[in-house]
Amino acid sequence: MKKILPKYSELNKGEKINSLKGFGHNLMSVWNQVRFIISKAITYKDDIEMLNIVEDYIRQFHQFDKKSLKFRYLIDKELNILLKKTMKIDLKNLRERMEEIYIYFKG
């Protein structure tokens, strides 16, 4: 997503730089900008449906891990444990959804 914004956004260079710096790892902030860019290029009803599916995936990731730390670190900078309870993650399903998102953005 951070590749789409500078390449296709109508913002000037300074605005693009400030936007990218301000996002950090907040997926929804980045997505809101990218969705606007993508939605302007949509011409078919199926494309809108796929856009909404991708948004749902991104929203789920964001809700689970707003700062993009839980899959990477055991603790945060204040030494708080990030995952306080044992969780089961369907890695096959996660991989398939990630591949769908990758193909969407690559395509």
PDB file of N, CA and C in Angstrom:
ATOM      1  N   MET A   1       0.824  -1.190   0.000  1.00  0.00           N
ATOM      2  CA  MET A   1       0.000   0.000   0.000  1.00  0.00           C
ATOM      3  C   MET A   1       0.867   1.252   0.000  1.00  0.00           C
ATOM      4  N   LYS A   2       1.977   1.175   0.721  1.00  0.00           N
ATOM      5  CA  LYS A   2       2.852   2.349   0.784  1.00  0.00           C
ATOM      6  C   LYS A   2       3.574   2.595  -0.538  1.00  0.00           C
ATOM      7  N   LYS A   3       3.504   1.662  -1.448  1.00  0.00           N
ATOM      8  CA  LYS A   3       4.058   1.869  -2.779  1.00  0.00           C
ATOM      9  C   LYS A   3       3.027   2.543  -3.696  1.00  0.00           C
ATOM     10  N   ILE A   4       1.775   2.231  -3.485  1.00  0.00           N
ATOM     11  CA  ILE A   4       0.694   2.797  -4.312  1.00  0.00           C
ATOM     12  C   ILE A   4       0.536   4.284  -4.053  1.00  0.00           C
ATOM     13  N   LEU A   5       0.573   4.672  -2.794  1.00  0.00           N
ATOM     14  CA  LEU A   5       0.320   6.069  -2.439  1.00  0.00           C
ATOM     15  C   LEU A   5       1.258   7.048  -3.150  1.00  0.00           C
ATOM     16  N   PRO A   6       2.577   6.886  -3.058  1.00  0.00           N
ATOM     17  CA  PRO A   6       3.435   7.867  -3.729  1.00  0.00           C
ATOM     18  C   PRO A   6       3.369   7.777  -5.254  1.00  0.00           C
ATOM     19  N   LYS A   7       3.080   6.596  -5.771  1.00  0.00           N
ATOM     20  CA  LYS A   7       3.079   6.427  -7.221  1.00  0.00           C
ATOM     21  C   LYS A   7       1.817   6.997  -7.872  1.00  0.00           C
ATOM     22  N   TYR A   8       0.660   6.859  -7.224  1.00  0.00           N
ATOM     23  CA  TYR A   8      -0.604   7.216  -7.865  1.00  0.00           C
ATOM     24  C   TYR A   8      -1.363   8.361  -7.204  1.00  0.00           C
ATOM     25  N   SER A   9      -0.918   8.809  -6.062  1.00  0.00           N
ATOM     26  CA  SER A   9      -1.607   9.898  -5.372  1.00  0.00           C
ATOM     27  C   SER A   9      -1.439  11.219  -6.121  1.00  0.00           C
ATOM     28  N   GLU A  10      -2.448  12.064  -6.012  1.00  0.00           N
ATOM     29  CA  GLU A  10      -2.393  13.389  -6.627  1.00  0.00           C
ATOM     30  C   GLU A  10      -1.766  14.427  -5.694  1.00  0.00           C
ATOM     31  N   LEU A  11      -1.334  13.988  -4.506  1.00  0.00           N
ATOM     32  CA  LEU A  11      -0.679  14.895  -3.573  1.00  0.00           C
ATOM     33  C   LEU A  11       0.668  15.342  -4.150  1.00  0.00           C
ATOM     34  N   ASN A  12       1.130  16.508  -3.709  1.00  0.00           N
ATOM     35  CA  ASN A  12       2.463  16.918  -4.147  1.00  0.00           C
ATOM     36  C   ASN A  12       3.506  16.128  -3.351  1.00  0.00           C
ATOM     37  N   LYS A  13       4.765  16.229  -3.735  1.00  0.00           N
ATOM     38  CA  LYS A  13       5.831  15.417  -3.137  1.00  0.00           C
ATOM     39  C   LYS A  13       5.908  15.603  -1.621  1.00  0.00           C
ATOM     40  N   GLY A  14       5.843  16.824  -1.161  1.00  0.00           N
ATOM     41  CA  GLY A  14       5.921  17.089   0.275  1.00  0.00           C
ATOM     42  C   GLY A  14       4.762  16.461   1.033  1.00  0.00           C
ATOM     43  N   GLU A  15       3.565  16.546   0.466  1.00  0.00           N
ATOM     44  CA  GLU A  15       2.392  15.944   1.104  1.00  0.00           C
ATOM     45  C   GLU A  15       2.503  14.417   1.140  1.00  0.00           C
ATOM     46  N   LYS A  16       3.045  13.844   0.068  1.00  0.00           N
ATOM     47  CA  LYS A  16       3.242  12.395   0.045  1.00  0.00           C
ATOM     48  C   LYS A  16       4.220  11.966   1.134  1.00  0.00           C
ATOM     49  N   ILE A  17       5.306  12.693   1.262  1.00  0.00           N
ATOM     50  CA  ILE A  17       6.311  12.367   2.282  1.00  0.00           C
ATOM     51  C   ILE A  17       5.705  12.473   3.675  1.00  0.00           C
ATOM     52  N   ASN A  18       4.983  13.545   3.940  1.00  0.00           N
ATOM     53  CA  ASN A  18       4.357  13.722   5.256  1.00  0.00           C
ATOM     54  C   ASN A  18       3.336  12.634   5.542  1.00  0.00           C
ATOM     55  N   SER A  19       2.570  12.256   4.520  1.00  0.00           N
ATOM     56  CA  SER A  19       1.588  11.183   4.716  1.00  0.00           C
ATOM     57  C   SER A  19       2.279   9.885   5.080  1.00  0.00           C
ATOM     58  N   LEU A  20       3.291   9.518   4.327  1.00  0.00           N
ATOM     59  CA  LEU A  20       3.991   8.261   4.591  1.00  0.00           C
ATOM     60  C   LEU A  20       4.637   8.245   5.965  1.00  0.00           C
ATOM     61  N   LYS A  21       5.210   9.369   6.383  1.00  0.00           N
ATOM     62  CA  LYS A  21       5.814   9.452   7.715  1.00  0.00           C
ATOM     63  C   LYS A  21       4.762   9.333   8.808  1.00  0.00           C
ATOM     64  N   GLY A  22       3.602   9.898   8.571  1.00  0.00           N
ATOM     65  CA  GLY A  22       2.546   9.912   9.580  1.00  0.00           C
ATOM     66  C   GLY A  22       1.836   8.585   9.774  1.00  0.00           C
ATOM     67  N   PHE A  23       1.873   7.720   8.781  1.00  0.00           N
ATOM     68  CA  PHE A  23       1.151   6.453   8.871  1.00  0.00           C
ATOM     69  C   PHE A  23       1.769   5.491   9.870  1.00  0.00           C
ATOM     70  N   GLY A  24       3.084   5.453   9.931  1.00  0.00           N
ATOM     71  CA  GLY A  24       3.728   4.436  10.752  1.00  0.00           C
ATOM     72  C   GLY A  24       3.306   3.063  10.263  1.00  0.00           C
ATOM     73  N   HIS A  25       2.817   2.227  11.170  1.00  0.00           N
ATOM     74  CA  HIS A  25       2.342   0.894  10.800  1.00  0.00           C
ATOM     75  C   HIS A  25       0.825   0.803  10.892  1.00  0.00           C
ATOM     76  N   ASN A  26       0.142   1.935  10.892  1.00  0.00           N
ATOM     77  CA  ASN A  26      -1.313   1.945  11.003  1.00  0.00           C
ATOM     78  C   ASN A  26      -1.929   1.582   9.651  1.00  0.00           C
ATOM     79  N   LEU A  27      -2.359   0.341   9.530  1.00  0.00           N
ATOM     80  CA  LEU A  27      -2.886  -0.149   8.256  1.00  0.00           C
ATOM     81  C   LEU A  27      -4.114   0.617   7.784  1.00  0.00           C
ATOM     82  N   MET A  28      -5.002   0.961   8.693  1.00  0.00           N
ATOM     83  CA  MET A  28      -6.234   1.632   8.271  1.00  0.00           C
ATOM     84  C   MET A  28      -5.960   3.049   7.766  1.00  0.00           C
ATOM     85  N   SER A  29      -5.008   3.729   8.347  1.00  0.00           N
ATOM     86  CA  SER A  29      -4.663   5.064   7.856  1.00  0.00           C
ATOM     87  C   SER A  29      -4.135   4.994   6.429  1.00  0.00           C
ATOM     88  N   VAL A  30      -3.250   4.052   6.194  1.00  0.00           N
ATOM     89  CA  VAL A  30      -2.705   3.881   4.844  1.00  0.00           C
ATOM     90  C   VAL A  30      -3.817   3.441   3.896  1.00  0.00           C
ATOM     91  N   TRP A  31      -4.614   2.474   4.328  1.00  0.00           N
ATOM     92  CA  TRP A  31      -5.679   1.937   3.479  1.00  0.00           C
ATOM     93  C   TRP A  31      -6.671   3.034   3.072  1.00  0.00           C
ATOM     94  N   ASN A  32      -7.042   3.893   3.969  1.00  0.00           N
ATOM     95  CA  ASN A  32      -8.013   4.937   3.629  1.00  0.00           C
ATOM     96  C   ASN A  32      -7.527   5.802   2.478  1.00  0.00           C
ATOM     97  N   GLN A  33      -6.255   6.102   2.447  1.00  0.00           N
ATOM     98  CA  GLN A  33      -5.684   6.885   1.342  1.00  0.00           C
ATOM     99  C   GLN A  33      -5.639   6.059   0.062  1.00  0.00           C
ATOM    100  N   VAL A  34      -5.200   4.814   0.193  1.00  0.00           N
ATOM    101  CA  VAL A  34      -5.060   3.941  -0.971  1.00  0.00           C
ATOM    102  C   VAL A  34      -6.428   3.578  -1.547  1.00  0.00           C
ATOM    103  N   ARG A  35      -7.395   3.347  -0.686  1.00  0.00           N
ATOM    104  CA  ARG A  35      -8.749   3.021  -1.157  1.00  0.00           C
ATOM    105  C   ARG A  35      -9.289   4.146  -2.038  1.00  0.00           C
ATOM    106  N   PHE A  36      -9.060   5.369  -1.640  1.00  0.00           N
ATOM    107  CA  PHE A  36      -9.517   6.512  -2.422  1.00  0.00           C
ATOM    108  C   PHE A  36      -8.904   6.469  -3.826  1.00  0.00           C
ATOM    109  N   ILE A  37      -7.611   6.185  -3.889  1.00  0.00           N
ATOM    110  CA  ILE A  37      -6.909   6.119  -5.185  1.00  0.00           C
ATOM    111  C   ILE A  37      -7.464   4.980  -6.036  1.00  0.00           C
ATOM    112  N   ILE A  38      -7.610   3.805  -5.435  1.00  0.00           N
ATOM    113  CA  ILE A  38      -8.097   2.636  -6.173  1.00  0.00           C
ATOM    114  C   ILE A  38      -9.546   2.835  -6.613  1.00  0.00           C
ATOM    115  N   SER A  39     -10.365   3.371  -5.738  1.00  0.00           N
ATOM    116  CA  SER A  39     -11.795   3.507  -6.062  1.00  0.00           C
ATOM    117  C   SER A  39     -12.033   4.436  -7.253  1.00  0.00           C
ATOM    118  N   LYS A  40     -11.128   5.382  -7.469  1.00  0.00           N
ATOM    119  CA  LYS A  40     -11.269   6.264  -8.635  1.00  0.00           C
ATOM    120  C   LYS A  40     -11.022   5.514  -9.940  1.00  0.00           C
ATOM    121  N   ALA A  41     -10.295   4.408  -9.885  1.00  0.00           N
ATOM    122  CA  ALA A  41      -9.962   3.646 -11.093  1.00  0.00           C
ATOM    123  C   ALA A  41     -10.931   2.490 -11.351  1.00  0.00           C
ATOM    124  N   ILE A  42     -11.844   2.251 -10.427  1.00  0.00           N
ATOM    125  CA  ILE A  42     -12.761   1.105 -10.549  1.00  0.00           C
ATOM    126  C   ILE A  42     -13.817   1.382 -11.618  1.00  0.00           C
ATOM    127  N   THR A  43     -14.018   0.376 -12.473  1.00  0.00           N
ATOM    128  CA  THR A  43     -15.020   0.517 -13.532  1.00  0.00           C
ATOM    129  C   THR A  43     -16.063  -0.598 -13.518  1.00  0.00           C
ATOM    130  N   TYR A  44     -15.800  -1.688 -12.806  1.00  0.00           N
ATOM    131  CA  TYR A  44     -16.720  -2.818 -12.799  1.00  0.00           C
ATOM    132  C   TYR A  44     -17.229  -3.106 -11.397  1.00  0.00           C
ATOM    133  N   LYS A  45     -18.467  -3.599 -11.321  1.00  0.00           N
ATOM    134  CA  LYS A  45     -19.081  -3.927 -10.039  1.00  0.00           C
ATOM    135  C   LYS A  45     -18.251  -4.948  -9.264  1.00  0.00           C
ATOM    136  N   ASP A  46     -17.688  -5.946  -9.961  1.00  0.00           N
ATOM    137  CA  ASP A  46     -16.862  -6.962  -9.290  1.00  0.00           C
ATOM    138  C   ASP A  46     -15.643  -6.341  -8.626  1.00  0.00           C
ATOM    139  N   ASP A  47     -15.115  -5.278  -9.218  1.00  0.00           N
ATOM    140  CA  ASP A  47     -13.953  -4.604  -8.632  1.00  0.00           C
ATOM    141  C   ASP A  47     -14.311  -3.962  -7.295  1.00  0.00           C
ATOM    142  N   ILE A  48     -15.511  -3.438  -7.188  1.00  0.00           N
ATOM    143  CA  ILE A  48     -15.963  -2.833  -5.929  1.00  0.00           C
ATOM    144  C   ILE A  48     -16.089  -3.907  -4.854  1.00  0.00           C
ATOM    145  N   GLU A  49     -16.633  -5.052  -5.235  1.00  0.00           N
ATOM    146  CA  GLU A  49     -16.768  -6.160  -4.285  1.00  0.00           C
ATOM    147  C   GLU A  49     -15.398  -6.609  -3.784  1.00  0.00           C
ATOM    148  N   MET A  50     -14.436  -6.731  -4.675  1.00  0.00           N
ATOM    149  CA  MET A  50     -13.091  -7.146  -4.274  1.00  0.00           C
ATOM    150  C   MET A  50     -12.432  -6.083  -3.401  1.00  0.00           C
ATOM    151  N   LEU A  51     -12.642  -4.825  -3.717  1.00  0.00           N
ATOM    152  CA  LEU A  51     -12.127  -3.732  -2.899  1.00  0.00           C
ATOM    153  C   LEU A  51     -12.652  -3.854  -1.471  1.00  0.00           C
ATOM    154  N   ASN A  52     -13.919  -4.171  -1.329  1.00  0.00           N
ATOM    155  CA  ASN A  52     -14.529  -4.323  -0.002  1.00  0.00           C
ATOM    156  C   ASN A  52     -13.984  -5.542   0.738  1.00  0.00           C
ATOM    157  N   ILE A  53     -13.707  -6.626   0.010  1.00  0.00           N
ATOM    158  CA  ILE A  53     -13.122  -7.820   0.626  1.00  0.00           C
ATOM    159  C   ILE A  53     -11.727  -7.507   1.155  1.00  0.00           C
ATOM    160  N   VAL A  54     -10.923  -6.842   0.338  1.00  0.00           N
ATOM    161  CA  VAL A  54      -9.570  -6.465   0.761  1.00  0.00           C
ATOM    162  C   VAL A  54      -9.651  -5.545   1.976  1.00  0.00           C
ATOM    163  N   GLU A  55     -10.574  -4.614   1.964  1.00  0.00           N
ATOM    164  CA  GLU A  55     -10.733  -3.720   3.112  1.00  0.00           C
ATOM    165  C   GLU A  55     -11.077  -4.503   4.371  1.00  0.00           C
ATOM    166  N   ASP A  56     -11.928  -5.504   4.244  1.00  0.00           N
ATOM    167  CA  ASP A  56     -12.294  -6.311   5.408  1.00  0.00           C
ATOM    168  C   ASP A  56     -11.066  -7.031   5.971  1.00  0.00           C
ATOM    169  N   TYR A  57     -10.237  -7.595   5.107  1.00  0.00           N
ATOM    170  CA  TYR A  57      -9.004  -8.252   5.564  1.00  0.00           C
ATOM    171  C   TYR A  57      -8.111  -7.249   6.295  1.00  0.00           C
ATOM    172  N   ILE A  58      -7.925  -6.096   5.703  1.00  0.00           N
ATOM    173  CA  ILE A  58      -7.055  -5.083   6.304  1.00  0.00           C
ATOM    174  C   ILE A  58      -7.621  -4.638   7.643  1.00  0.00           C
ATOM    175  N   ARG A  59      -8.931  -4.457   7.719  1.00  0.00           N
ATOM    176  CA  ARG A  59      -9.577  -4.059   8.976  1.00  0.00           C
ATOM    177  C   ARG A  59      -9.353  -5.115  10.060  1.00  0.00           C
ATOM    178  N   GLN A  60      -9.454  -6.391   9.687  1.00  0.00           N
ATOM    179  CA  GLN A  60      -9.246  -7.460  10.661  1.00  0.00           C
ATOM    180  C   GLN A  60      -7.811  -7.451  11.185  1.00  0.00           C
ATOM    181  N   PHE A  61      -6.843  -7.299  10.300  1.00  0.00           N
ATOM    182  CA  PHE A  61      -5.454  -7.202  10.742  1.00  0.00           C
ATOM    183  C   PHE A  61      -5.269  -6.003  11.655  1.00  0.00           C
ATOM    184  N   HIS A  62      -5.840  -4.886  11.276  1.00  0.00           N
ATOM    185  CA  HIS A  62      -5.695  -3.665  12.060  1.00  0.00           C
ATOM    186  C   HIS A  62      -6.320  -3.832  13.451  1.00  0.00           C
ATOM    187  N   GLN A  63      -7.497  -4.402  13.515  1.00  0.00           N
ATOM    188  CA  GLN A  63      -8.165  -4.583  14.808  1.00  0.00           C
ATOM    189  C   GLN A  63      -7.368  -5.513  15.725  1.00  0.00           C
ATOM    190  N   PHE A  64      -6.751  -6.527  15.149  1.00  0.00           N
ATOM    191  CA  PHE A  64      -5.976  -7.461  15.954  1.00  0.00           C
ATOM    192  C   PHE A  64      -4.648  -6.864  16.401  1.00  0.00           C
ATOM    193  N   ASP A  65      -4.037  -6.068  15.550  1.00  0.00           N
ATOM    194  CA  ASP A  65      -2.674  -5.590  15.813  1.00  0.00           C
ATOM    195  C   ASP A  65      -2.493  -4.177  15.274  1.00  0.00           C
ATOM    196  N   LYS A  66      -3.059  -3.200  15.970  1.00  0.00           N
ATOM    197  CA  LYS A  66      -3.079  -1.818  15.499  1.00  0.00           C
ATOM    198  C   LYS A  66      -1.692  -1.213  15.246  1.00  0.00           C
ATOM    199  N   LYS A  67      -0.687  -1.673  15.971  1.00  0.00           N
ATOM    200  CA  LYS A  67       0.651  -1.098  15.823  1.00  0.00           C
ATOM    201  C   LYS A  67       1.614  -2.021  15.083  1.00  0.00           C
ATOM    202  N   SER A  68       1.094  -3.115  14.550  1.00  0.00           N
ATOM    203  CA  SER A  68       1.915  -4.072  13.798  1.00  0.00           C
ATOM    204  C   SER A  68       3.095  -4.597  14.618  1.00  0.00           C
ATOM    205  N   LEU A  69       2.812  -4.971  15.849  1.00  0.00           N
ATOM    206  CA  LEU A  69       3.861  -5.477  16.740  1.00  0.00           C
ATOM    207  C   LEU A  69       3.660  -6.936  17.132  1.00  0.00           C
ATOM    208  N   LYS A  70       2.426  -7.373  17.257  1.00  0.00           N
ATOM    209  CA  LYS A  70       2.130  -8.668  17.874  1.00  0.00           C
ATOM    210  C   LYS A  70       2.718  -9.864  17.153  1.00  0.00           C
ATOM    211  N   PHE A  71       2.851  -9.792  15.850  1.00  0.00           N
ATOM    212  CA  PHE A  71       3.446 -10.905  15.121  1.00  0.00           C
ATOM    213  C   PHE A  71       4.969 -10.817  15.101  1.00  0.00           C
ATOM    214  N   ARG A  72       5.501  -9.698  15.547  1.00  0.00           N
ATOM    215  CA  ARG A  72       6.947  -9.494  15.464  1.00  0.00           C
ATOM    216  C   ARG A  72       7.654  -9.510  16.811  1.00  0.00           C
ATOM    217  N   TYR A  73       6.966  -9.110  17.878  1.00  0.00           N
ATOM    218  CA  TYR A  73       7.626  -8.948  19.176  1.00  0.00           C
ATOM    219  C   TYR A  73       6.803  -9.568  20.295  1.00  0.00           C
ATOM    220  N   LEU A  74       7.482 -10.003  21.342  1.00  0.00           N
ATOM    221  CA  LEU A  74       6.826 -10.546  22.523  1.00  0.00           C
ATOM    222  C   LEU A  74       6.288  -9.423  23.411  1.00  0.00           C
ATOM    223  N   ILE A  75       7.069  -8.321  23.501  1.00  0.00           N
ATOM    224  CA  ILE A  75       6.703  -7.196  24.366  1.00  0.00           C
ATOM    225  C   ILE A  75       6.793  -5.891  23.584  1.00  0.00           C
ATOM    226  N   ASP A  76       6.134  -4.863  24.115  1.00  0.00           N
ATOM    227  CA  ASP A  76       6.237  -3.536  23.495  1.00  0.00           C
ATOM    228  C   ASP A  76       7.348  -2.733  24.177  1.00  0.00           C
ATOM    229  N   LYS A  77       7.487  -1.470  23.827  1.00  0.00           N
ATOM    230  CA  LYS A  77       8.583  -0.642  24.362  1.00  0.00           C
ATOM    231  C   LYS A  77       8.430  -0.325  25.845  1.00  0.00           C
ATOM    232  N   GLU A  78       7.222  -0.520  26.380  1.00  0.00           N
ATOM    233  CA  GLU A  78       6.997  -0.318  27.815  1.00  0.00           C
ATOM    234  C   GLU A  78       7.038  -1.642  28.576  1.00  0.00           C
ATOM    235  N   LEU A  79       7.536  -2.694  27.912  1.00  0.00           N
ATOM    236  CA  LEU A  79       7.688  -4.030  28.473  1.00  0.00           C
ATOM    237  C   LEU A  79       6.362  -4.731  28.762  1.00  0.00           C
ATOM    238  N   ASN A  80       5.295  -4.286  28.113  1.00  0.00           N
ATOM    239  CA  ASN A  80       4.006  -4.955  28.236  1.00  0.00           C
ATOM    240  C   ASN A  80       3.971  -6.156  27.299  1.00  0.00           C
ATOM    241  N   ILE A  81       3.459  -7.270  27.790  1.00  0.00           N
ATOM    242  CA  ILE A  81       3.318  -8.456  26.957  1.00  0.00           C
ATOM    243  C   ILE A  81       2.228  -8.183  25.929  1.00  0.00           C
ATOM    244  N   LEU A  82       2.528  -8.449  24.673  1.00  0.00           N
ATOM    245  CA  LEU A  82       1.597  -8.111  23.594  1.00  0.00           C
ATOM    246  C   LEU A  82       0.471  -9.122  23.431  1.00  0.00           C
ATOM    247  N   LEU A  83       0.764 -10.400  23.543  1.00  0.00           N
ATOM    248  CA  LEU A  83      -0.277 -11.429  23.479  1.00  0.00           C
ATOM    249  C   LEU A  83      -0.411 -12.040  24.870  1.00  0.00           C
ATOM    250  N   LYS A  84      -1.456 -11.646  25.564  1.00  0.00           N
ATOM    251  CA  LYS A  84      -1.609 -12.045  26.960  1.00  0.00           C
ATOM    252  C   LYS A  84      -2.203 -13.429  27.141  1.00  0.00           C
ATOM    253  N   LYS A  85      -2.785 -13.960  26.087  1.00  0.00           N
ATOM    254  CA  LYS A  85      -3.339 -15.307  26.194  1.00  0.00           C
ATOM    255  C   LYS A  85      -2.922 -16.110  24.965  1.00  0.00           C
ATOM    256  N   THR A  86      -2.931 -17.409  25.142  1.00  0.00           N
ATOM    257  CA  THR A  86      -2.569 -18.294  24.043  1.00  0.00           C
ATOM    258  C   THR A  86      -3.632 -18.192  22.956  1.00  0.00           C
ATOM    259  N   MET A  87      -3.176 -18.100  21.727  1.00  0.00           N
ATOM    260  CA  MET A  87      -4.099 -18.004  20.606  1.00  0.00           C
ATOM    261  C   MET A  87      -3.732 -19.058  19.575  1.00  0.00           C
ATOM    262  N   LYS A  88      -4.735 -19.548  18.904  1.00  0.00           N
ATOM    263  CA  LYS A  88      -4.509 -20.451  17.790  1.00  0.00           C
ATOM    264  C   LYS A  88      -4.755 -19.670  16.508  1.00  0.00           C
ATOM    265  N   ILE A  89      -3.824 -19.774  15.594  1.00  0.00           N
ATOM    266  CA  ILE A  89      -3.954 -19.089  14.320  1.00  0.00           C
ATOM    267  C   ILE A  89      -3.893 -20.142  13.222  1.00  0.00           C
ATOM    268  N   ASP A  90      -4.873 -20.125  12.363  1.00  0.00           N
ATOM    269  CA  ASP A  90      -4.906 -21.032  11.223  1.00  0.00           C
ATOM    270  C   ASP A  90      -3.930 -20.487  10.185  1.00  0.00           C
ATOM    271  N   LEU A  91      -2.713 -20.998  10.219  1.00  0.00           N
ATOM    272  CA  LEU A  91      -1.656 -20.467   9.348  1.00  0.00           C
ATOM    273  C   LEU A  91      -1.952 -20.683   7.870  1.00  0.00           C
ATOM    274  N   LYS A  92      -2.598 -21.779   7.533  1.00  0.00           N
ATOM    275  CA  LYS A  92      -2.953 -22.020   6.133  1.00  0.00           C
ATOM    276  C   LYS A  92      -3.937 -20.948   5.652  1.00  0.00           C
ATOM    277  N   ASN A  93      -4.930 -20.680   6.442  1.00  0.00           N
ATOM    278  CA  ASN A  93      -5.915 -19.651   6.090  1.00  0.00           C
ATOM    279  C   ASN A  93      -5.257 -18.271   6.033  1.00  0.00           C
ATOM    280  N   LEU A  94      -4.404 -17.977   7.003  1.00  0.00           N
ATOM    281  CA  LEU A  94      -3.695 -16.699   7.020  1.00  0.00           C
ATOM    282  C   LEU A  94      -2.864 -16.539   5.752  1.00  0.00           C
ATOM    283  N   ARG A  95      -2.141 -17.584   5.396  1.00  0.00           N
ATOM    284  CA  ARG A  95      -1.322 -17.545   4.181  1.00  0.00           C
ATOM    285  C   ARG A  95      -2.181 -17.308   2.941  1.00  0.00           C
ATOM    286  N   GLU A  96      -3.291 -18.005   2.841  1.00  0.00           N
ATOM    287  CA  GLU A  96      -4.172 -17.849   1.678  1.00  0.00           C
ATOM    288  C   GLU A  96      -4.726 -16.428   1.586  1.00  0.00           C
ATOM    289  N   ARG A  97      -5.119 -15.865   2.719  1.00  0.00           N
ATOM    290  CA  ARG A  97      -5.655 -14.493   2.698  1.00  0.00           C
ATOM    291  C   ARG A  97      -4.558 -13.490   2.333  1.00  0.00           C
ATOM    292  N   MET A  98      -3.352 -13.725   2.872  1.00  0.00           N
ATOM    293  CA  MET A  98      -2.234 -12.832   2.550  1.00  0.00           C
ATOM    294  C   MET A  98      -1.895 -12.913   1.062  1.00  0.00           C
ATOM    295  N   GLU A  99      -1.964 -14.101   0.503  1.00  0.00           N
ATOM    296  CA  GLU A  99      -1.718 -14.251  -0.931  1.00  0.00           C
ATOM    297  C   GLU A  99      -2.777 -13.521  -1.747  1.00  0.00           C
ATOM    298  N   GLU A 100      -4.019 -13.586  -1.309  1.00  0.00           N
ATOM    299  CA  GLU A 100      -5.095 -12.860  -2.004  1.00  0.00           C
ATOM    300  C   GLU A 100      -4.816 -11.358  -1.996  1.00  0.00           C
ATOM    301  N   ILE A 101      -4.425 -10.857  -0.836  1.00  0.00           N
ATOM    302  CA  ILE A 101      -4.125  -9.422  -0.740  1.00  0.00           C
ATOM    303  C   ILE A 101      -2.929  -9.077  -1.617  1.00  0.00           C
ATOM    304  N   TYR A 102      -1.911  -9.914  -1.586  1.00  0.00           N
ATOM    305  CA  TYR A 102      -0.717  -9.680  -2.403  1.00  0.00           C
ATOM    306  C   TYR A 102      -1.096  -9.637  -3.887  1.00  0.00           C
ATOM    307  N   ILE A 103      -1.862 -10.599  -4.332  1.00  0.00           N
ATOM    308  CA  ILE A 103      -2.279 -10.645  -5.740  1.00  0.00           C
ATOM    309  C   ILE A 103      -3.118  -9.423  -6.089  1.00  0.00           C
ATOM    310  N   TYR A 104      -3.993  -9.019  -5.182  1.00  0.00           N
ATOM    311  CA  TYR A 104      -4.821  -7.835  -5.428  1.00  0.00           C
ATOM    312  C   TYR A 104      -3.948  -6.604  -5.681  1.00  0.00           C
ATOM    313  N   PHE A 105      -3.004  -6.364  -4.794  1.00  0.00           N
ATOM    314  CA  PHE A 105      -2.147  -5.181  -4.945  1.00  0.00           C
ATOM    315  C   PHE A 105      -1.162  -5.333  -6.095  1.00  0.00           C
ATOM    316  N   LYS A 106      -0.709  -6.519  -6.346  1.00  0.00           N
ATOM    317  CA  LYS A 106       0.227  -6.753  -7.450  1.00  0.00           C
ATOM    318  C   LYS A 106      -0.467  -6.563  -8.799  1.00  0.00           C
ATOM    319  N   GLY A 107      -1.748  -6.964  -8.834  1.00  0.00           N
ATOM    320  CA  GLY A 107      -2.499  -6.934 -10.103  1.00  0.00           C
ATOM    321  C   GLY A 107      -2.892  -5.558 -10.501  1.00  0.00           C
TER     322      GLY A 107
END
